[in-house]
Amino acid sequence: MVPPCPQLFWFNVPEIDFDPCLIQMFFIHVFNFIESGILFTMVFDHYVTVFNPLRQTTVLMNSTIDEMDFGYLSVTTCNYTSTHFTAFLLTGVPGLEDFQFWISIPFSFMYFLAMIGNGLVMAVVAWDRNLHEPMYIFLAMLAINDVLLCTVIVPKMLLIFWQGPSLSTFPACLTQMFFVHALFLSESAVLLAMAFDRYVAICAPLHYATLLTGSLISKVALTLVARSVAVVTPGVLLILRLHFCQSNVIHHTYCENMGIAKLACNSITLNSIYGLTAALLTTGLDFVFISMSYWVILRTIFQLPSWEARTKAFGTCGAHICVILIFYTLAFFSFFTHRFGNHVPRHALILLANLYLLVPPTMNPIIYGVKTKVIRMRVLGFCNQPK
């Protein structure tokens, strides 16, 4: 324990690799148990010496002492014999290893567009006080979520495409898995909030200012974060209960729930059931409520008396409909293909799993820039302002 201390105190080097950390932990606890066992043995020795001095030589024989030493060692080590992988190997797109550099080009371009586009949306909404309204605040929340989602998966993916298979430690893999699924759920929740915003604006415009207050928007933001954490955390805990004793190779570009679970030696039925149930009760219900909202919205629009009013009302929600269709079409197609598409090539599944997380963040700012005149004009003004 002491030799690493000077490295920390003198040279301020706090890092330690996973394997040496496990070894150090093992020996600290082992020697702690052994010392406790020796102290107990010494107490027993003095007890026999004081209360049964005539039997000391017959009780405390060499064979007895050897058996006690072996017992302490076996007790301290029995809990450290299970097989456990310290890292997973992410291989990228199976079957297309020779083409991964070329695959990285469109993915890099999409990542660049997503970062620039969503960054502009966030900057414009923050810069222009006239856009501090519920609709644009939700749009900024969507942009923030898109930037985070891209950043969680794309840098690691590009590293694999450029340098080949990459090791990811067990904690790092679980962390990436957590944020991938949590950010996906939060994006679905933001789309639901945006659908509710359009529903109130078109179907109950007189109550818009009283319903969608700053306080409500803050509560919505906290709720969608809390929901994501509450839903994804049990999935991580279910992964932690699994034992990995065979392959540590994940044929994917990022760590995701079932990709890790399928490497386990014990049953993953509970993981499968929870994943399917959680997806249907969150993303599935979000899609149902969004569909119901836009069904009512479209009915209300078509009942408006003038064509000009219909066009204006439809223009305010047309961008939302495009974004929702892209997000849920890709998500559900990928979700059901992974579970029921046994005849779909593996490389197609992996590419689709990347596209459904990367295409929406790339397209969202483009769609809002084209469909929403206010955003388009503000972005042009923001880019052309004098420095």
Protein backbone atom coordinates (compact mmCIF):
# COMPACT_ATOMS: atom_id res chain seq x y z
CA MET A 1 0.00 0.00 0.00
CA VAL A 2 2.82 2.44 0.91
CA PRO A 3 4.98 2.37 -2.30
CA PRO A 4 2.26 4.02 -4.45
CA CYS A 5 1.85 6.79 -1.86
CA PRO A 6 5.06 8.71 -2.76
CA GLN A 7 3.96 8.62 -6.40
CA LEU A 8 0.74 10.34 -5.33
CA PHE A 9 2.20 12.72 -2.72
CA TRP A 10 5.43 13.71 -4.46
CA PHE A 11 4.64 13.58 -8.17
CA ASN A 12 0.85 14.18 -8.10
CA VAL A 13 0.17 11.13 -10.29
CA PRO A 14 -3.25 9.84 -9.13
CA GLU A 15 -3.91 7.43 -12.04
CA ILE A 16 -3.71 3.67 -11.61
CA ASP A 17 -4.63 0.98 -14.14
CA PHE A 18 -7.63 -1.24 -13.49
CA ASP A 19 -5.64 -4.49 -13.05
CA PRO A 20 -3.10 -3.10 -10.51
CA CYS A 21 -5.99 -1.47 -8.66
CA LEU A 22 -7.78 -4.82 -8.34
CA ILE A 23 -4.57 -6.55 -7.23
CA GLN A 24 -3.92 -3.88 -4.61
CA MET A 25 -7.50 -4.14 -3.34
CA PHE A 26 -7.17 -7.94 -3.17
CA PHE A 27 -4.01 -7.92 -1.06
CA ILE A 28 -5.19 -5.12 1.25
CA HIS A 29 -8.31 -7.08 2.22
CA VAL A 30 -6.51 -10.45 2.32
CA PHE A 31 -3.79 -9.24 4.68
CA ASN A 32 -6.36 -7.43 6.79
CA PHE A 33 -8.29 -10.69 7.29
CA ILE A 34 -5.07 -12.62 7.95
CA GLU A 35 -3.96 -10.13 10.60
CA SER A 36 -7.33 -10.36 12.30
CA GLY A 37 -7.07 -14.17 12.23
CA ILE A 38 -3.56 -14.11 13.73
CA LEU A 39 -4.70 -11.84 16.56
CA PHE A 40 -7.56 -14.24 17.27
CA THR A 41 -5.07 -17.15 17.30
CA MET A 42 -2.83 -15.29 19.77
CA VAL A 43 -5.80 -14.73 22.08
CA PHE A 44 -6.62 -18.45 21.89
CA ASP A 45 -2.97 -19.30 22.66
CA HIS A 46 -3.00 -17.15 25.80
CA TYR A 47 -6.36 -18.58 26.82
CA VAL A 48 -5.00 -22.14 26.68
CA THR A 49 -1.78 -21.08 28.45
CA VAL A 50 -3.61 -19.44 31.36
CA PHE A 51 -6.65 -21.67 31.82
CA ASN A 52 -5.34 -25.05 30.56
CA PRO A 53 -1.54 -24.93 30.88
CA LEU A 54 -1.22 -28.72 31.08
CA ARG A 55 -2.92 -29.17 27.68
CA GLN A 56 -1.06 -26.45 25.78
CA THR A 57 1.37 -28.85 24.10
CA THR A 58 -1.39 -31.24 23.05
CA VAL A 59 -3.84 -28.58 21.80
CA LEU A 60 -1.46 -26.21 20.02
CA MET A 61 0.46 -28.67 17.89
CA ASN A 62 2.25 -27.75 14.65
CA SER A 63 -0.41 -29.50 12.54
CA THR A 64 -3.17 -27.48 14.22
CA ILE A 65 -1.31 -24.22 13.58
CA ASP A 66 -0.78 -25.16 9.91
CA GLU A 67 -4.49 -25.94 9.48
CA MET A 68 -5.44 -22.60 11.04
CA ASP A 69 -3.09 -20.72 8.66
CA PHE A 70 -4.54 -22.54 5.65
CA GLY A 71 -8.06 -21.81 6.88
CA TYR A 72 -7.43 -18.08 7.07
CA LEU A 73 -5.95 -18.04 3.58
CA SER A 74 -8.86 -20.00 2.10
CA VAL A 75 -11.47 -17.79 3.79
CA THR A 76 -9.85 -14.60 2.56
CA THR A 77 -9.40 -15.79 -1.02
CA CYS A 78 -12.61 -17.71 -1.66
CA ASN A 79 -14.53 -14.57 -2.62
CA TYR A 80 -11.96 -13.53 -5.22
CA THR A 81 -11.92 -16.56 -7.53
CA SER A 82 -14.72 -15.69 -9.94
CA THR A 83 -13.83 -14.81 -13.51
CA HIS A 84 -14.33 -11.17 -14.41
CA PHE A 85 -13.41 -9.16 -17.48
CA THR A 86 -11.75 -5.82 -16.85
CA ALA A 87 -12.37 -4.54 -20.37
CA PHE A 88 -14.42 -5.15 -23.50
CA LEU A 89 -13.08 -5.05 -27.04
CA LEU A 90 -15.22 -2.97 -29.42
CA THR A 91 -14.57 -4.14 -32.98
CA GLY A 92 -16.72 -1.74 -35.01
CA VAL A 93 -18.89 -2.93 -37.91
CA PRO A 94 -18.48 -6.72 -38.32
CA GLY A 95 -17.72 -7.83 -41.86
CA LEU A 96 -16.82 -4.33 -43.03
CA GLU A 97 -13.50 -3.91 -41.23
CA ASP A 98 -11.68 -3.14 -44.50
CA PHE A 99 -14.13 -0.35 -45.34
CA GLN A 100 -14.40 1.31 -41.93
CA PHE A 101 -12.14 4.22 -42.89
CA TRP A 102 -14.49 5.07 -45.77
CA ILE A 103 -17.52 4.61 -43.53
CA SER A 104 -16.00 7.13 -41.12
CA ILE A 105 -16.13 9.91 -43.74
CA PRO A 106 -19.95 10.36 -43.86
CA PHE A 107 -20.17 9.78 -40.10
CA SER A 108 -17.54 12.48 -39.48
CA PHE A 109 -19.43 14.86 -41.77
CA MET A 110 -22.72 14.15 -39.97
CA TYR A 111 -21.06 14.69 -36.59
CA PHE A 112 -19.62 18.01 -37.80
CA LEU A 113 -23.03 19.15 -39.07
CA ALA A 114 -24.74 18.07 -35.84
CA MET A 115 -22.27 19.97 -33.64
CA ILE A 116 -22.32 23.15 -35.76
CA GLY A 117 -26.08 23.14 -36.38
CA ASN A 118 -27.14 22.43 -32.82
CA GLY A 119 -24.48 24.81 -31.50
CA LEU A 120 -25.96 27.60 -33.65
CA VAL A 121 -29.48 26.82 -32.41
CA MET A 122 -28.35 26.98 -28.77
CA ALA A 123 -26.41 30.20 -29.36
CA VAL A 124 -29.29 31.91 -31.18
CA VAL A 125 -31.86 31.01 -28.52
CA ALA A 126 -29.52 32.14 -25.73
CA TRP A 127 -28.51 35.33 -27.58
CA ASP A 128 -31.95 36.58 -28.69
CA ARG A 129 -34.26 37.42 -25.78
CA ASN A 130 -37.23 37.41 -28.15
CA LEU A 131 -36.74 33.64 -28.48
CA HIS A 132 -37.01 33.01 -24.74
CA GLU A 133 -40.41 31.40 -25.28
CA PRO A 134 -41.46 27.80 -24.51
CA MET A 135 -41.26 26.61 -28.13
CA TYR A 136 -37.68 27.83 -28.60
CA ILE A 137 -36.56 26.83 -25.11
CA PHE A 138 -37.66 23.26 -25.85
CA LEU A 139 -35.81 23.51 -29.17
CA ALA A 140 -32.65 24.55 -27.30
CA MET A 141 -33.13 21.63 -24.90
CA LEU A 142 -33.36 19.29 -27.90
CA ALA A 143 -30.17 20.79 -29.34
CA ILE A 144 -28.30 20.30 -26.03
CA ASN A 145 -29.46 16.70 -25.87
CA ASP A 146 -28.40 16.10 -29.49
CA VAL A 147 -24.89 17.47 -28.86
CA LEU A 148 -24.46 15.26 -25.79
CA LEU A 149 -25.80 12.16 -27.57
CA CYS A 150 -23.42 12.62 -30.51
CA THR A 151 -20.46 13.27 -28.22
CA VAL A 152 -21.11 10.10 -26.23
CA ILE A 153 -20.88 7.76 -29.24
CA VAL A 154 -19.15 9.40 -32.22
CA PRO A 155 -15.56 10.09 -30.97
CA LYS A 156 -15.14 6.48 -29.82
CA MET A 157 -16.72 5.22 -33.04
CA LEU A 158 -14.35 7.24 -35.21
CA LEU A 159 -11.38 6.02 -33.16
CA ILE A 160 -12.42 2.43 -33.93
CA PHE A 161 -12.91 3.22 -37.63
CA TRP A 162 -9.47 4.84 -37.88
CA GLN A 163 -7.33 2.70 -35.56
CA GLY A 164 -9.14 -0.64 -35.42
CA PRO A 165 -10.68 -2.49 -32.43
CA SER A 166 -10.53 -0.49 -29.21
CA LEU A 167 -10.53 -1.62 -25.58
CA SER A 168 -13.07 -0.09 -23.24
CA THR A 169 -12.79 -0.76 -19.51
CA PHE A 170 -15.81 -2.24 -17.76
CA PRO A 171 -16.67 1.00 -15.87
CA ALA A 172 -16.17 3.09 -19.03
CA CYS A 173 -18.39 0.73 -21.03
CA LEU A 174 -21.16 0.86 -18.42
CA THR A 175 -20.89 4.66 -18.28
CA GLN A 176 -21.24 4.95 -22.06
CA MET A 177 -24.17 2.52 -22.02
CA PHE A 178 -25.89 4.59 -19.31
CA PHE A 179 -25.58 7.89 -21.18
CA VAL A 180 -26.53 6.44 -24.58
CA HIS A 181 -29.83 5.08 -23.28
CA ALA A 182 -30.49 7.99 -20.88
CA LEU A 183 -29.98 10.62 -23.58
CA PHE A 184 -32.12 8.65 -26.03
CA LEU A 185 -34.97 8.58 -23.49
CA SER A 186 -34.56 12.28 -22.71
CA GLU A 187 -34.72 13.12 -26.44
CA SER A 188 -38.01 11.25 -26.67
CA ALA A 189 -39.28 13.17 -23.63
CA VAL A 190 -38.27 16.52 -25.15
CA LEU A 191 -40.18 15.66 -28.34
CA LEU A 192 -43.22 14.87 -26.20
CA ALA A 193 -42.88 18.24 -24.43
CA MET A 194 -42.63 19.99 -27.81
CA ALA A 195 -45.77 18.20 -29.00
CA PHE A 196 -47.61 19.38 -25.87
CA ASP A 197 -46.37 22.93 -26.54
CA ARG A 198 -47.79 22.86 -30.08
CA TYR A 199 -51.04 21.30 -28.82
CA VAL A 200 -51.63 24.14 -26.36
CA ALA A 201 -50.53 26.82 -28.86
CA ILE A 202 -52.94 25.65 -31.57
CA CYS A 203 -55.82 24.03 -29.68
CA ALA A 204 -55.92 26.29 -26.60
CA PRO A 205 -54.06 29.51 -27.54
CA LEU A 206 -55.78 31.63 -24.88
CA HIS A 207 -54.31 29.42 -22.13
CA TYR A 208 -50.81 29.25 -23.62
CA ALA A 209 -49.23 31.94 -21.45
CA THR A 210 -50.82 30.66 -18.24
CA LEU A 211 -50.04 26.98 -18.82
CA LEU A 212 -46.51 27.05 -20.24
CA THR A 213 -44.79 29.16 -17.62
CA GLY A 214 -41.10 29.26 -16.80
CA SER A 215 -41.78 27.23 -13.68
CA LEU A 216 -43.49 24.48 -15.68
CA ILE A 217 -40.64 24.35 -18.21
CA SER A 218 -38.10 23.97 -15.37
CA LYS A 219 -40.16 21.15 -13.88
CA VAL A 220 -40.40 19.45 -17.29
CA ALA A 221 -36.60 19.61 -17.67
CA LEU A 222 -36.02 18.12 -14.21
CA THR A 223 -38.66 15.45 -14.81
CA LEU A 224 -37.19 14.24 -18.09
CA VAL A 225 -33.73 13.98 -16.51
CA ALA A 226 -35.12 12.13 -13.48
CA ARG A 227 -37.11 9.77 -15.70
CA SER A 228 -34.06 8.90 -17.79
CA VAL A 229 -31.94 8.18 -14.72
CA ALA A 230 -34.70 6.17 -13.02
CA VAL A 231 -35.33 4.00 -16.09
CA VAL A 232 -31.72 3.37 -17.15
CA THR A 233 -30.16 2.78 -13.71
CA PRO A 234 -31.90 -0.61 -13.13
CA GLY A 235 -30.59 -1.74 -16.52
CA VAL A 236 -27.04 -0.95 -15.40
CA LEU A 237 -27.59 -2.80 -12.12
CA LEU A 238 -28.89 -5.83 -14.03
CA ILE A 239 -25.66 -5.83 -16.05
CA LEU A 240 -23.60 -5.72 -12.84
CA ARG A 241 -25.19 -8.96 -11.61
CA LEU A 242 -24.01 -10.88 -14.68
CA HIS A 243 -20.89 -13.07 -14.85
CA PHE A 244 -18.65 -12.77 -17.92
CA CYS A 245 -16.49 -15.84 -18.43
CA GLN A 246 -16.33 -16.36 -22.19
CA SER A 247 -15.67 -13.75 -24.89
CA ASN A 248 -15.15 -10.07 -24.11
CA VAL A 249 -15.55 -8.99 -27.75
CA ILE A 250 -18.48 -6.68 -28.58
CA HIS A 251 -19.14 -6.47 -32.32
CA HIS A 252 -20.35 -2.90 -32.13
CA THR A 253 -19.08 0.67 -32.21
CA TYR A 254 -20.37 1.56 -28.74
CA CYS A 255 -21.46 -0.17 -25.54
CA GLU A 256 -25.18 -0.82 -25.37
CA ASN A 257 -27.33 -2.86 -23.02
CA MET A 258 -28.01 -6.09 -24.91
CA GLY A 259 -24.61 -6.05 -26.61
CA ILE A 260 -22.98 -6.39 -23.18
CA ALA A 261 -25.62 -8.72 -21.73
CA LYS A 262 -25.25 -11.27 -24.55
CA LEU A 263 -21.65 -11.93 -23.45
CA ALA A 264 -22.78 -13.19 -20.03
CA CYS A 265 -22.61 -16.84 -18.97
CA ASN A 266 -25.77 -16.74 -16.84
CA SER A 267 -29.34 -16.06 -17.93
CA ILE A 268 -30.16 -12.63 -19.38
CA THR A 269 -33.92 -13.20 -19.52
CA LEU A 270 -34.50 -10.55 -16.85
CA ASN A 271 -32.34 -8.06 -18.76
CA SER A 272 -34.32 -8.72 -21.95
CA ILE A 273 -37.70 -8.41 -20.27
CA TYR A 274 -36.75 -5.21 -18.47
CA GLY A 275 -35.25 -3.64 -21.59
CA LEU A 276 -38.33 -4.40 -23.70
CA THR A 277 -40.76 -3.30 -20.97
CA ALA A 278 -38.87 -0.08 -20.25
CA ALA A 279 -38.72 0.81 -23.96
CA LEU A 280 -42.44 0.23 -24.48
CA LEU A 281 -43.49 2.12 -21.32
CA THR A 282 -41.29 5.14 -22.06
CA THR A 283 -40.49 5.66 -25.72
CA GLY A 284 -43.56 3.69 -26.82
CA LEU A 285 -45.95 5.73 -24.66
CA ASP A 286 -44.21 8.96 -25.70
CA PHE A 287 -44.91 8.10 -29.33
CA VAL A 288 -48.56 7.28 -28.55
CA PHE A 289 -49.10 10.59 -26.73
CA ILE A 290 -47.30 12.54 -29.47
CA SER A 291 -49.44 10.86 -32.15
CA MET A 292 -52.62 11.67 -30.22
CA SER A 293 -51.51 15.29 -29.79
CA TYR A 294 -50.84 15.79 -33.49
CA TRP A 295 -54.05 14.03 -34.47
CA VAL A 296 -55.97 16.62 -32.45
CA ILE A 297 -53.73 19.41 -33.77
CA LEU A 298 -54.31 18.44 -37.41
CA ARG A 299 -58.07 18.17 -36.85
CA THR A 300 -58.05 21.66 -35.34
CA ILE A 301 -55.97 23.05 -38.22
CA PHE A 302 -58.30 21.66 -40.90
CA GLN A 303 -61.27 23.20 -39.09
CA LEU A 304 -59.84 26.72 -39.31
CA PRO A 305 -61.96 28.99 -41.56
CA SER A 306 -59.28 30.48 -43.83
CA TRP A 307 -56.55 28.88 -45.92
CA GLU A 308 -54.02 31.44 -44.68
CA ALA A 309 -54.71 30.52 -41.05
CA ARG A 310 -54.35 26.82 -41.86
CA THR A 311 -51.01 27.39 -43.62
CA LYS A 312 -49.65 29.48 -40.75
CA ALA A 313 -50.76 26.96 -38.10
CA PHE A 314 -49.40 24.01 -40.05
CA GLY A 315 -46.10 25.85 -40.56
CA THR A 316 -45.55 26.12 -36.81
CA CYS A 317 -45.76 22.33 -36.32
CA GLY A 318 -44.53 21.03 -39.70
CA ALA A 319 -40.91 20.98 -38.54
CA HIS A 320 -41.89 19.07 -35.39
CA ILE A 321 -43.69 16.42 -37.42
CA CYS A 322 -40.64 15.90 -39.67
CA VAL A 323 -38.31 15.56 -36.66
CA ILE A 324 -40.65 13.14 -34.90
CA LEU A 325 -41.04 10.94 -37.99
CA ILE A 326 -37.26 10.70 -38.49
CA PHE A 327 -36.54 9.96 -34.83
CA TYR A 328 -39.20 7.33 -34.15
CA THR A 329 -39.08 5.63 -37.57
CA LEU A 330 -35.35 4.94 -37.26
CA ALA A 331 -35.57 4.10 -33.54
CA PHE A 332 -38.41 1.59 -33.79
CA PHE A 333 -37.03 0.00 -36.95
CA SER A 334 -33.66 -0.52 -35.26
CA PHE A 335 -35.25 -1.71 -32.01
CA PHE A 336 -37.48 -4.38 -33.56
CA THR A 337 -34.91 -5.45 -36.17
CA HIS A 338 -32.36 -6.15 -33.42
CA ARG A 339 -34.83 -8.37 -31.57
CA PHE A 340 -36.77 -10.05 -34.36
CA GLY A 341 -34.70 -9.57 -37.53
CA ASN A 342 -32.77 -12.83 -37.36
CA HIS A 343 -32.05 -12.81 -41.09
CA VAL A 344 -30.80 -9.22 -41.25
CA PRO A 345 -26.98 -9.06 -41.76
CA ARG A 346 -25.06 -8.11 -38.62
CA HIS A 347 -23.29 -5.18 -40.28
CA ALA A 348 -26.65 -3.73 -41.34
CA LEU A 349 -27.89 -3.87 -37.74
CA ILE A 350 -24.79 -2.09 -36.43
CA LEU A 351 -24.93 0.62 -39.09
CA LEU A 352 -28.62 1.15 -38.36
CA ALA A 353 -27.93 1.33 -34.61
CA ASN A 354 -25.49 4.16 -35.31
CA LEU A 355 -27.70 5.96 -37.80
CA TYR A 356 -30.76 6.13 -35.56
CA LEU A 357 -28.67 7.93 -32.93
CA LEU A 358 -26.79 10.19 -35.35
CA VAL A 359 -29.27 11.10 -38.10
CA PRO A 360 -31.81 12.94 -35.85
CA PRO A 361 -29.16 15.22 -34.24
CA THR A 362 -27.85 15.99 -37.73
CA MET A 363 -31.23 16.65 -39.31
CA ASN A 364 -32.97 18.49 -36.46
CA PRO A 365 -31.20 21.87 -36.86
CA ILE A 366 -31.44 21.63 -40.67
CA ILE A 367 -35.18 20.96 -40.52
CA TYR A 368 -35.82 23.77 -38.06
CA GLY A 369 -33.64 26.10 -40.13
CA VAL A 370 -35.61 25.35 -43.30
CA LYS A 371 -39.11 25.02 -41.83
CA THR A 372 -38.98 27.75 -39.16
CA LYS A 373 -38.51 31.23 -40.60
CA VAL A 374 -37.74 32.82 -37.23
CA ILE A 375 -34.88 30.41 -36.53
CA ARG A 376 -33.55 30.78 -40.08
CA MET A 377 -33.51 34.59 -39.92
CA ARG A 378 -31.97 34.64 -36.44
CA VAL A 379 -29.21 32.22 -37.48
CA LEU A 380 -28.39 34.36 -40.53
CA GLY A 381 -28.39 37.47 -38.37
CA PHE A 382 -26.24 35.79 -35.74
CA CYS A 383 -23.69 34.67 -38.34
CA ASN A 384 -23.60 38.05 -40.13
CA GLN A 385 -23.37 40.30 -37.08
CA PRO A 386 -20.21 42.48 -37.06
CA LYS A 387 -17.35 41.26 -34.89
